[in-house]
All heavy atoms as atom14 arrays in JSON, in Angstrom:
{
  "sequence": "VARISWSGVTKFTYYADSVKGRFTISSDNAKNTVYLQMNSLKPEDAAV",
  "atom14_mask": [
    [1, 1, 1, 1, 1, 1, 1, 0, 0, 0, 0, 0, 0, 0],
    [1, 1, 1, 1, 1, 0, 0, 0, 0, 0, 0, 0, 0, 0],
    [1, 1, 1, 1, 1, 1, 1, 1, 1, 1, 1, 0, 0, 0],
    [1, 1, 1, 1, 1, 1, 1, 1, 0, 0, 0, 0, 0, 0],
    [1, 1, 1, 1, 1, 1, 0, 0, 0, 0, 0, 0, 0, 0],
    [1, 1, 1, 1, 1, 1, 1, 1, 1, 1, 1, 1, 1, 1],
    [1, 1, 1, 1, 1, 1, 0, 0, 0, 0, 0, 0, 0, 0],
    [1, 1, 1, 1, 0, 0, 0, 0, 0, 0, 0, 0, 0, 0],
    [1, 1, 1, 1, 1, 1, 1, 0, 0, 0, 0, 0, 0, 0],
    [1, 1, 1, 1, 1, 1, 1, 0, 0, 0, 0, 0, 0, 0],
    [1, 1, 1, 1, 1, 1, 1, 1, 1, 0, 0, 0, 0, 0],
    [1, 1, 1, 1, 1, 1, 1, 1, 1, 1, 1, 0, 0, 0],
    [1, 1, 1, 1, 1, 1, 1, 0, 0, 0, 0, 0, 0, 0],
    [1, 1, 1, 1, 1, 1, 1, 1, 1, 1, 1, 1, 0, 0],
    [1, 1, 1, 1, 1, 1, 1, 1, 1, 1, 1, 1, 0, 0],
    [1, 1, 1, 1, 1, 0, 0, 0, 0, 0, 0, 0, 0, 0],
    [1, 1, 1, 1, 1, 1, 1, 1, 0, 0, 0, 0, 0, 0],
    [1, 1, 1, 1, 1, 1, 0, 0, 0, 0, 0, 0, 0, 0],
    [1, 1, 1, 1, 1, 1, 1, 0, 0, 0, 0, 0, 0, 0],
    [1, 1, 1, 1, 1, 1, 1, 1, 1, 0, 0, 0, 0, 0],
    [1, 1, 1, 1, 0, 0, 0, 0, 0, 0, 0, 0, 0, 0],
    [1, 1, 1, 1, 1, 1, 1, 1, 1, 1, 1, 0, 0, 0],
    [1, 1, 1, 1, 1, 1, 1, 1, 1, 1, 1, 0, 0, 0],
    [1, 1, 1, 1, 1, 1, 1, 0, 0, 0, 0, 0, 0, 0],
    [1, 1, 1, 1, 1, 1, 1, 1, 0, 0, 0, 0, 0, 0],
    [1, 1, 1, 1, 1, 1, 0, 0, 0, 0, 0, 0, 0, 0],
    [1, 1, 1, 1, 1, 1, 0, 0, 0, 0, 0, 0, 0, 0],
    [1, 1, 1, 1, 1, 1, 1, 1, 0, 0, 0, 0, 0, 0],
    [1, 1, 1, 1, 1, 1, 1, 1, 0, 0, 0, 0, 0, 0],
    [1, 1, 1, 1, 1, 0, 0, 0, 0, 0, 0, 0, 0, 0],
    [1, 1, 1, 1, 1, 1, 1, 1, 1, 0, 0, 0, 0, 0],
    [1, 1, 1, 1, 1, 1, 1, 1, 0, 0, 0, 0, 0, 0],
    [1, 1, 1, 1, 1, 1, 1, 0, 0, 0, 0, 0, 0, 0],
    [1, 1, 1, 1, 1, 1, 1, 0, 0, 0, 0, 0, 0, 0],
    [1, 1, 1, 1, 1, 1, 1, 1, 1, 1, 1, 1, 0, 0],
    [1, 1, 1, 1, 1, 1, 1, 1, 0, 0, 0, 0, 0, 0],
    [1, 1, 1, 1, 1, 1, 1, 1, 1, 0, 0, 0, 0, 0],
    [1, 1, 1, 1, 1, 1, 1, 1, 0, 0, 0, 0, 0, 0],
    [1, 1, 1, 1, 1, 1, 1, 1, 0, 0, 0, 0, 0, 0],
    [1, 1, 1, 1, 1, 1, 0, 0, 0, 0, 0, 0, 0, 0],
    [1, 1, 1, 1, 1, 1, 1, 1, 0, 0, 0, 0, 0, 0],
    [1, 1, 1, 1, 1, 1, 1, 1, 1, 0, 0, 0, 0, 0],
    [1, 1, 1, 1, 1, 1, 1, 0, 0, 0, 0, 0, 0, 0],
    [1, 1, 1, 1, 1, 1, 1, 1, 1, 0, 0, 0, 0, 0],
    [1, 1, 1, 1, 1, 1, 1, 1, 0, 0, 0, 0, 0, 0],
    [1, 1, 1, 1, 1, 0, 0, 0, 0, 0, 0, 0, 0, 0],
    [1, 1, 1, 1, 1, 0, 0, 0, 0, 0, 0, 0, 0, 0],
    [1, 1, 1, 1, 1, 1, 1, 0, 0, 0, 0, 0, 0, 0]
  ],
  "atom14_positions": [
    [[133.52, 66.46, 130.05], [132.3, 66.37, 129.26], [131.15, 65.84, 130.11], [130.1, 66.47, 130.19], [132.5, 65.44, 128.04], [131.18, 65.27, 127.29], [133.58, 65.99, 127.12], [0.0, 0.0, 0.0], [0.0, 0.0, 0.0], [0.0, 0.0, 0.0], [0.0, 0.0, 0.0], [0.0, 0.0, 0.0], [0.0, 0.0, 0.0], [0.0, 0.0, 0.0]],
    [[131.34, 64.7, 130.76], [130.26, 64.09, 131.53], [130.83, 63.09, 132.52], [131.97, 62.63, 132.37], [129.26, 63.4, 130.61], [0.0, 0.0, 0.0], [0.0, 0.0, 0.0], [0.0, 0.0, 0.0], [0.0, 0.0, 0.0], [0.0, 0.0, 0.0], [0.0, 0.0, 0.0], [0.0, 0.0, 0.0], [0.0, 0.0, 0.0], [0.0, 0.0, 0.0]],
    [[130.02, 62.77, 133.52], [130.46, 61.83, 134.56], [129.25, 61.07, 135.07], [128.14, 61.63, 135.16], [131.11, 62.6, 135.7], [131.45, 61.78, 136.97], [132.04, 62.68, 138.0], [132.15, 62.11, 139.32], [133.29, 61.71, 139.85], [134.42, 61.77, 139.16], [133.32, 61.23, 141.08], [0.0, 0.0, 0.0], [0.0, 0.0, 0.0], [0.0, 0.0, 0.0]],
    [[129.48, 59.82, 135.44], [128.44, 59.0, 136.05], [129.02, 58.29, 137.26], [130.17, 57.83, 137.23], [127.85, 58.0, 135.02], [126.63, 57.28, 135.6], [128.91, 57.0, 134.55], [125.85, 56.51, 134.53], [0.0, 0.0, 0.0], [0.0, 0.0, 0.0], [0.0, 0.0, 0.0], [0.0, 0.0, 0.0], [0.0, 0.0, 0.0], [0.0, 0.0, 0.0]],
    [[128.23, 58.22, 138.31], [128.64, 57.5, 139.51], [127.39, 56.94, 140.18], [126.28, 57.29, 139.82], [129.41, 58.43, 140.47], [128.6, 59.49, 140.9], [0.0, 0.0, 0.0], [0.0, 0.0, 0.0], [0.0, 0.0, 0.0], [0.0, 0.0, 0.0], [0.0, 0.0, 0.0], [0.0, 0.0, 0.0], [0.0, 0.0, 0.0], [0.0, 0.0, 0.0]],
    [[127.6, 56.07, 141.15], [126.49, 55.41, 141.82], [126.69, 55.44, 143.33], [127.82, 55.4, 143.83], [126.41, 53.94, 141.39], [126.11, 53.74, 139.96], [124.9, 53.54, 139.39], [127.05, 53.74, 138.89], [125.03, 53.41, 138.04], [126.33, 53.52, 137.71], [128.44, 53.9, 138.82], [126.95, 53.45, 136.45], [129.06, 53.84, 137.58], [128.31, 53.61, 136.43]],
    [[125.57, 55.54, 144.04], [125.55, 55.35, 145.48], [124.4, 54.4, 145.75], [123.23, 54.79, 145.68], [125.34, 56.68, 146.21], [125.27, 56.46, 147.61], [0.0, 0.0, 0.0], [0.0, 0.0, 0.0], [0.0, 0.0, 0.0], [0.0, 0.0, 0.0], [0.0, 0.0, 0.0], [0.0, 0.0, 0.0], [0.0, 0.0, 0.0], [0.0, 0.0, 0.0]],
    [[124.73, 53.14, 145.99], [123.7, 52.13, 146.07], [123.02, 51.99, 144.72], [123.67, 51.77, 143.71], [0.0, 0.0, 0.0], [0.0, 0.0, 0.0], [0.0, 0.0, 0.0], [0.0, 0.0, 0.0], [0.0, 0.0, 0.0], [0.0, 0.0, 0.0], [0.0, 0.0, 0.0], [0.0, 0.0, 0.0], [0.0, 0.0, 0.0], [0.0, 0.0, 0.0]],
    [[121.73, 52.17, 144.68], [120.98, 52.06, 143.43], [120.77, 53.42, 142.78], [120.18, 53.53, 141.7], [119.62, 51.36, 143.64], [119.83, 49.94, 144.14], [118.77, 52.17, 144.62], [0.0, 0.0, 0.0], [0.0, 0.0, 0.0], [0.0, 0.0, 0.0], [0.0, 0.0, 0.0], [0.0, 0.0, 0.0], [0.0, 0.0, 0.0], [0.0, 0.0, 0.0]],
    [[121.25, 54.47, 143.43], [121.06, 55.82, 142.91], [122.21, 56.17, 141.98], [123.38, 56.02, 142.32], [121.0, 56.84, 144.05], [119.94, 56.47, 144.94], [120.73, 58.23, 143.5], [0.0, 0.0, 0.0], [0.0, 0.0, 0.0], [0.0, 0.0, 0.0], [0.0, 0.0, 0.0], [0.0, 0.0, 0.0], [0.0, 0.0, 0.0], [0.0, 0.0, 0.0]],
    [[121.84, 56.67, 140.81], [122.82, 57.07, 139.81], [122.94, 58.59, 139.8], [121.94, 59.29, 139.9], [122.38, 56.56, 138.44], [123.31, 56.89, 137.31], [122.79, 56.3, 136.0], [121.5, 56.96, 135.57], [121.03, 56.45, 134.26], [0.0, 0.0, 0.0], [0.0, 0.0, 0.0], [0.0, 0.0, 0.0], [0.0, 0.0, 0.0], [0.0, 0.0, 0.0]],
    [[124.15, 59.08, 139.68], [124.4, 60.5, 139.59], [125.09, 60.8, 138.26], [126.04, 60.11, 137.88], [125.3, 60.96, 140.74], [124.7, 60.73, 142.1], [124.97, 59.56, 142.8], [123.87, 61.66, 142.68], [124.42, 59.33, 144.05], [123.3, 61.45, 143.92], [123.57, 60.29, 144.61], [0.0, 0.0, 0.0], [0.0, 0.0, 0.0], [0.0, 0.0, 0.0]],
    [[124.61, 61.8, 137.58], [125.24, 62.21, 136.33], [125.51, 63.71, 136.35], [124.76, 64.48, 136.96], [124.37, 61.87, 135.11], [123.1, 62.49, 135.26], [124.18, 60.36, 134.97], [0.0, 0.0, 0.0], [0.0, 0.0, 0.0], [0.0, 0.0, 0.0], [0.0, 0.0, 0.0], [0.0, 0.0, 0.0], [0.0, 0.0, 0.0], [0.0, 0.0, 0.0]],
    [[126.59, 64.08, 135.7], [127.0, 65.48, 135.62], [127.43, 65.75, 134.18], [128.01, 64.87, 133.53], [128.17, 65.76, 136.56], [127.92, 65.36, 137.99], [128.23, 64.08, 138.44], [127.37, 66.26, 138.91], [127.99, 63.7, 139.75], [127.13, 65.9, 140.22], [127.44, 64.61, 140.63], [127.21, 64.24, 141.93], [0.0, 0.0, 0.0], [0.0, 0.0, 0.0]],
    [[127.18, 66.98, 133.74], [127.52, 67.35, 132.37], [128.16, 68.73, 132.34], [127.82, 69.61, 133.13], [126.26, 67.37, 131.49], [125.58, 66.04, 131.35], [124.55, 65.67, 132.2], [125.98, 65.15, 130.36], [123.93, 64.44, 132.09], [125.37, 63.92, 130.23], [124.35, 63.57, 131.1], [123.73, 62.35, 130.97], [0.0, 0.0, 0.0], [0.0, 0.0, 0.0]],
    [[129.03, 68.9, 131.38], [129.53, 70.24, 131.09], [128.38, 71.05, 130.49], [127.51, 70.5, 129.8], [130.69, 70.17, 130.1], [0.0, 0.0, 0.0], [0.0, 0.0, 0.0], [0.0, 0.0, 0.0], [0.0, 0.0, 0.0], [0.0, 0.0, 0.0], [0.0, 0.0, 0.0], [0.0, 0.0, 0.0], [0.0, 0.0, 0.0], [0.0, 0.0, 0.0]],
    [[128.37, 72.33, 130.76], [127.29, 73.18, 130.24], [127.2, 73.11, 128.72], [126.12, 73.19, 128.15], [127.53, 74.63, 130.67], [127.26, 74.83, 132.15], [126.6, 73.97, 132.78], [127.72, 75.86, 132.68], [0.0, 0.0, 0.0], [0.0, 0.0, 0.0], [0.0, 0.0, 0.0], [0.0, 0.0, 0.0], [0.0, 0.0, 0.0], [0.0, 0.0, 0.0]],
    [[128.33, 72.95, 128.08], [128.37, 72.97, 126.62], [127.67, 71.76, 125.98], [127.37, 71.79, 124.79], [129.82, 73.03, 126.13], [130.55, 71.92, 126.61], [0.0, 0.0, 0.0], [0.0, 0.0, 0.0], [0.0, 0.0, 0.0], [0.0, 0.0, 0.0], [0.0, 0.0, 0.0], [0.0, 0.0, 0.0], [0.0, 0.0, 0.0], [0.0, 0.0, 0.0]],
    [[127.44, 70.71, 126.76], [126.83, 69.49, 126.18], [125.48, 69.15, 126.82], [124.82, 68.2, 126.37], [127.78, 68.28, 126.28], [129.15, 68.61, 125.69], [127.92, 67.8, 127.72], [0.0, 0.0, 0.0], [0.0, 0.0, 0.0], [0.0, 0.0, 0.0], [0.0, 0.0, 0.0], [0.0, 0.0, 0.0], [0.0, 0.0, 0.0], [0.0, 0.0, 0.0]],
    [[125.09, 69.89, 127.83], [123.8, 69.6, 128.49], [122.67, 69.64, 127.49], [122.58, 70.56, 126.67], [123.55, 70.62, 129.61], [124.23, 70.28, 130.91], [123.91, 71.33, 131.97], [124.66, 71.05, 133.25], [124.46, 72.12, 134.26], [0.0, 0.0, 0.0], [0.0, 0.0, 0.0], [0.0, 0.0, 0.0], [0.0, 0.0, 0.0], [0.0, 0.0, 0.0]],
    [[121.8, 68.64, 127.58], [120.67, 68.59, 126.68], [120.96, 67.91, 125.36], [120.05, 67.58, 124.61], [0.0, 0.0, 0.0], [0.0, 0.0, 0.0], [0.0, 0.0, 0.0], [0.0, 0.0, 0.0], [0.0, 0.0, 0.0], [0.0, 0.0, 0.0], [0.0, 0.0, 0.0], [0.0, 0.0, 0.0], [0.0, 0.0, 0.0], [0.0, 0.0, 0.0]],
    [[122.25, 67.7, 125.06], [122.62, 67.05, 123.8], [123.3, 65.71, 124.04], [123.14, 64.79, 123.24], [123.57, 67.95, 123.01], [122.98, 69.29, 122.64], [123.89, 70.06, 121.69], [125.2, 70.36, 122.27], [126.36, 69.97, 121.76], [126.4, 69.24, 120.66], [127.5, 70.3, 122.35], [0.0, 0.0, 0.0], [0.0, 0.0, 0.0], [0.0, 0.0, 0.0]],
    [[124.06, 65.6, 125.1], [124.79, 64.37, 125.41], [124.15, 63.68, 126.59], [123.65, 64.34, 127.52], [126.25, 64.67, 125.75], [127.1, 65.15, 124.6], [126.55, 65.53, 123.38], [128.48, 65.22, 124.75], [127.34, 65.96, 122.34], [129.29, 65.65, 123.72], [128.71, 66.03, 122.51], [0.0, 0.0, 0.0], [0.0, 0.0, 0.0], [0.0, 0.0, 0.0]],
    [[124.21, 62.35, 126.59], [123.69, 61.57, 127.7], [124.69, 60.48, 128.05], [125.1, 59.71, 127.17], [122.35, 60.92, 127.35], [121.41, 61.94, 126.99], [121.8, 60.15, 128.55], [0.0, 0.0, 0.0], [0.0, 0.0, 0.0], [0.0, 0.0, 0.0], [0.0, 0.0, 0.0], [0.0, 0.0, 0.0], [0.0, 0.0, 0.0], [0.0, 0.0, 0.0]],
    [[125.05, 60.41, 129.31], [125.94, 59.35, 129.79], [125.09, 58.29, 130.45], [124.14, 58.59, 131.18], [127.02, 59.91, 130.75], [128.08, 58.85, 131.06], [126.4, 60.48, 132.01], [129.31, 59.42, 131.76], [0.0, 0.0, 0.0], [0.0, 0.0, 0.0], [0.0, 0.0, 0.0], [0.0, 0.0, 0.0], [0.0, 0.0, 0.0], [0.0, 0.0, 0.0]],
    [[125.41, 57.04, 130.17], [124.64, 55.93, 130.72], [125.56, 54.72, 130.87], [126.74, 54.77, 130.49], [123.46, 55.59, 129.82], [123.92, 55.14, 128.55], [0.0, 0.0, 0.0], [0.0, 0.0, 0.0], [0.0, 0.0, 0.0], [0.0, 0.0, 0.0], [0.0, 0.0, 0.0], [0.0, 0.0, 0.0], [0.0, 0.0, 0.0], [0.0, 0.0, 0.0]],
    [[125.0, 53.66, 131.41], [125.83, 52.48, 131.63], [125.03, 51.21, 131.43], [123.81, 51.19, 131.57], [126.43, 52.5, 133.03], [125.41, 52.35, 134.0], [0.0, 0.0, 0.0], [0.0, 0.0, 0.0], [0.0, 0.0, 0.0], [0.0, 0.0, 0.0], [0.0, 0.0, 0.0], [0.0, 0.0, 0.0], [0.0, 0.0, 0.0], [0.0, 0.0, 0.0]],
    [[125.76, 50.16, 131.1], [125.22, 48.8, 131.11], [126.11, 48.04, 132.06], [127.22, 47.63, 131.7], [125.26, 48.21, 129.7], [124.64, 46.82, 129.64], [124.64, 46.12, 130.68], [124.18, 46.43, 128.56], [0.0, 0.0, 0.0], [0.0, 0.0, 0.0], [0.0, 0.0, 0.0], [0.0, 0.0, 0.0], [0.0, 0.0, 0.0], [0.0, 0.0, 0.0]],
    [[125.66, 47.9, 133.28], [126.51, 47.3, 134.3], [126.8, 45.83, 134.02], [127.85, 45.33, 134.42], [125.87, 47.49, 135.67], [125.84, 48.95, 136.07], [126.67, 49.75, 135.62], [124.87, 49.32, 136.88], [0.0, 0.0, 0.0], [0.0, 0.0, 0.0], [0.0, 0.0, 0.0], [0.0, 0.0, 0.0], [0.0, 0.0, 0.0], [0.0, 0.0, 0.0]],
    [[125.88, 45.16, 133.36], [126.13, 43.76, 133.03], [127.31, 43.63, 132.07], [128.04, 42.64, 132.1], [124.88, 43.15, 132.41], [0.0, 0.0, 0.0], [0.0, 0.0, 0.0], [0.0, 0.0, 0.0], [0.0, 0.0, 0.0], [0.0, 0.0, 0.0], [0.0, 0.0, 0.0], [0.0, 0.0, 0.0], [0.0, 0.0, 0.0], [0.0, 0.0, 0.0]],
    [[127.49, 44.63, 131.23], [128.6, 44.63, 130.28], [129.79, 45.43, 130.8], [130.81, 45.52, 130.12], [128.15, 45.2, 128.94], [127.08, 44.38, 128.24], [126.71, 44.99, 126.9], [125.67, 44.15, 126.18], [125.28, 44.74, 124.87], [0.0, 0.0, 0.0], [0.0, 0.0, 0.0], [0.0, 0.0, 0.0], [0.0, 0.0, 0.0], [0.0, 0.0, 0.0]],
    [[129.63, 46.04, 131.98], [130.68, 46.9, 132.54], [131.13, 47.94, 131.52], [132.33, 48.16, 131.29], [131.87, 46.08, 133.02], [132.47, 46.64, 134.29], [131.77, 47.21, 135.12], [133.77, 46.47, 134.44], [0.0, 0.0, 0.0], [0.0, 0.0, 0.0], [0.0, 0.0, 0.0], [0.0, 0.0, 0.0], [0.0, 0.0, 0.0], [0.0, 0.0, 0.0]],
    [[130.16, 48.58, 130.92], [130.39, 49.54, 129.85], [129.61, 50.82, 130.12], [128.46, 50.76, 130.54], [129.98, 48.96, 128.49], [130.76, 47.78, 128.23], [130.21, 49.96, 127.37], [0.0, 0.0, 0.0], [0.0, 0.0, 0.0], [0.0, 0.0, 0.0], [0.0, 0.0, 0.0], [0.0, 0.0, 0.0], [0.0, 0.0, 0.0], [0.0, 0.0, 0.0]],
    [[130.27, 51.93, 129.92], [129.64, 53.25, 130.01], [129.55, 53.83, 128.61], [130.49, 53.69, 127.81], [130.43, 54.18, 130.95], [129.95, 55.61, 130.86], [130.33, 53.68, 132.39], [0.0, 0.0, 0.0], [0.0, 0.0, 0.0], [0.0, 0.0, 0.0], [0.0, 0.0, 0.0], [0.0, 0.0, 0.0], [0.0, 0.0, 0.0], [0.0, 0.0, 0.0]],
    [[128.43, 54.48, 128.32], [128.19, 55.04, 127.01], [128.08, 56.56, 127.09], [127.69, 57.11, 128.11], [126.9, 54.48, 126.42], [126.88, 52.99, 126.31], [126.21, 52.21, 127.25], [127.53, 52.34, 125.26], [126.19, 50.83, 127.16], [127.53, 50.96, 125.17], [126.86, 50.21, 126.11], [126.85, 48.84, 126.02], [0.0, 0.0, 0.0], [0.0, 0.0, 0.0]],
    [[128.4, 57.19, 126.0], [128.15, 58.62, 125.85], [127.39, 58.79, 124.54], [127.97, 58.66, 123.45], [129.45, 59.42, 125.83], [129.25, 60.94, 125.78], [128.65, 61.45, 127.1], [130.58, 61.66, 125.51], [0.0, 0.0, 0.0], [0.0, 0.0, 0.0], [0.0, 0.0, 0.0], [0.0, 0.0, 0.0], [0.0, 0.0, 0.0], [0.0, 0.0, 0.0]],
    [[126.1, 59.03, 124.66], [125.27, 59.29, 123.48], [125.37, 60.77, 123.16], [125.04, 61.6, 124.0], [123.82, 58.9, 123.75], [122.89, 59.2, 122.6], [123.16, 58.35, 121.37], [123.41, 57.14, 121.5], [123.13, 58.95, 120.2], [0.0, 0.0, 0.0], [0.0, 0.0, 0.0], [0.0, 0.0, 0.0], [0.0, 0.0, 0.0], [0.0, 0.0, 0.0]],
    [[125.81, 61.06, 121.96], [126.02, 62.45, 121.56], [125.08, 62.78, 120.4], [125.19, 62.18, 119.32], [127.48, 62.66, 121.13], [128.48, 62.23, 122.18], [130.19, 62.64, 121.76], [130.42, 61.64, 120.29], [0.0, 0.0, 0.0], [0.0, 0.0, 0.0], [0.0, 0.0, 0.0], [0.0, 0.0, 0.0], [0.0, 0.0, 0.0], [0.0, 0.0, 0.0]],
    [[124.17, 63.68, 120.65], [123.2, 64.1, 119.64], [123.44, 65.56, 119.27], [124.1, 66.29, 120.0], [121.79, 63.91, 120.16], [121.45, 62.47, 120.47], [121.95, 61.54, 119.83], [120.6, 62.27, 121.46], [0.0, 0.0, 0.0], [0.0, 0.0, 0.0], [0.0, 0.0, 0.0], [0.0, 0.0, 0.0], [0.0, 0.0, 0.0], [0.0, 0.0, 0.0]],
    [[122.87, 65.96, 118.16], [122.97, 67.35, 117.71], [124.42, 67.83, 117.73], [124.73, 68.91, 118.23], [122.1, 68.26, 118.59], [120.76, 67.84, 118.57], [0.0, 0.0, 0.0], [0.0, 0.0, 0.0], [0.0, 0.0, 0.0], [0.0, 0.0, 0.0], [0.0, 0.0, 0.0], [0.0, 0.0, 0.0], [0.0, 0.0, 0.0], [0.0, 0.0, 0.0]],
    [[125.28, 67.03, 117.16], [126.71, 67.35, 117.21], [127.03, 68.62, 116.45], [126.42, 68.91, 115.4], [127.52, 66.17, 116.69], [127.69, 65.03, 117.69], [128.07, 63.74, 116.99], [128.71, 65.38, 118.75], [0.0, 0.0, 0.0], [0.0, 0.0, 0.0], [0.0, 0.0, 0.0], [0.0, 0.0, 0.0], [0.0, 0.0, 0.0], [0.0, 0.0, 0.0]],
    [[127.98, 69.36, 116.98], [128.43, 70.62, 116.39], [129.9, 70.49, 116.01], [130.62, 69.67, 116.6], [128.27, 71.75, 117.4], [126.87, 71.9, 117.96], [126.86, 72.97, 119.04], [125.46, 73.13, 119.64], [125.44, 74.18, 120.7], [0.0, 0.0, 0.0], [0.0, 0.0, 0.0], [0.0, 0.0, 0.0], [0.0, 0.0, 0.0], [0.0, 0.0, 0.0]],
    [[130.37, 71.29, 115.09], [131.79, 71.24, 114.75], [132.7, 71.42, 115.96], [133.78, 70.82, 116.03], [131.95, 72.38, 113.74], [130.6, 72.47, 113.09], [129.61, 72.17, 114.19], [0.0, 0.0, 0.0], [0.0, 0.0, 0.0], [0.0, 0.0, 0.0], [0.0, 0.0, 0.0], [0.0, 0.0, 0.0], [0.0, 0.0, 0.0], [0.0, 0.0, 0.0]],
    [[132.26, 72.21, 116.92], [133.08, 72.43, 118.11], [133.13, 71.24, 119.05], [133.88, 71.23, 120.02], [132.61, 73.68, 118.89], [131.14, 73.7, 119.22], [130.33, 74.49, 118.22], [130.59, 74.37, 116.99], [129.43, 75.23, 118.65], [0.0, 0.0, 0.0], [0.0, 0.0, 0.0], [0.0, 0.0, 0.0], [0.0, 0.0, 0.0], [0.0, 0.0, 0.0]],
    [[132.33, 70.2, 118.76], [132.42, 68.96, 119.55], [133.55, 68.05, 119.06], [133.86, 67.04, 119.7], [131.11, 68.18, 119.48], [129.96, 68.91, 120.15], [130.17, 69.47, 121.24], [128.85, 68.91, 119.57], [0.0, 0.0, 0.0], [0.0, 0.0, 0.0], [0.0, 0.0, 0.0], [0.0, 0.0, 0.0], [0.0, 0.0, 0.0], [0.0, 0.0, 0.0]],
    [[134.13, 68.38, 117.93], [135.19, 67.54, 117.38], [136.4, 67.53, 118.31], [136.87, 68.58, 118.75], [135.6, 68.06, 116.0], [0.0, 0.0, 0.0], [0.0, 0.0, 0.0], [0.0, 0.0, 0.0], [0.0, 0.0, 0.0], [0.0, 0.0, 0.0], [0.0, 0.0, 0.0], [0.0, 0.0, 0.0], [0.0, 0.0, 0.0], [0.0, 0.0, 0.0]],
    [[136.86, 66.34, 118.62], [137.98, 66.18, 119.56], [138.29, 64.69, 119.69], [137.55, 63.85, 119.17], [137.61, 66.75, 120.93], [0.0, 0.0, 0.0], [0.0, 0.0, 0.0], [0.0, 0.0, 0.0], [0.0, 0.0, 0.0], [0.0, 0.0, 0.0], [0.0, 0.0, 0.0], [0.0, 0.0, 0.0], [0.0, 0.0, 0.0], [0.0, 0.0, 0.0]],
    [[139.34, 64.42, 120.4], [139.57, 63.05, 120.86], [138.89, 62.91, 122.21], [139.12, 63.73, 123.1], [141.07, 62.73, 120.97], [141.27, 61.32, 121.52], [141.75, 62.87, 119.61], [0.0, 0.0, 0.0], [0.0, 0.0, 0.0], [0.0, 0.0, 0.0], [0.0, 0.0, 0.0], [0.0, 0.0, 0.0], [0.0, 0.0, 0.0], [0.0, 0.0, 0.0]]
  ]
}
């Protein structure tokens, strides 16, 4: 679905074509937590 990585202060994100423009991956490094914001959800997004 999506991936996030870092090189120094530069962040890299990648998305599957099916979710580009609708999903956003981000992080809160202070909380050591990565998020996946999913907007405009479709029935085909249903999954674990």
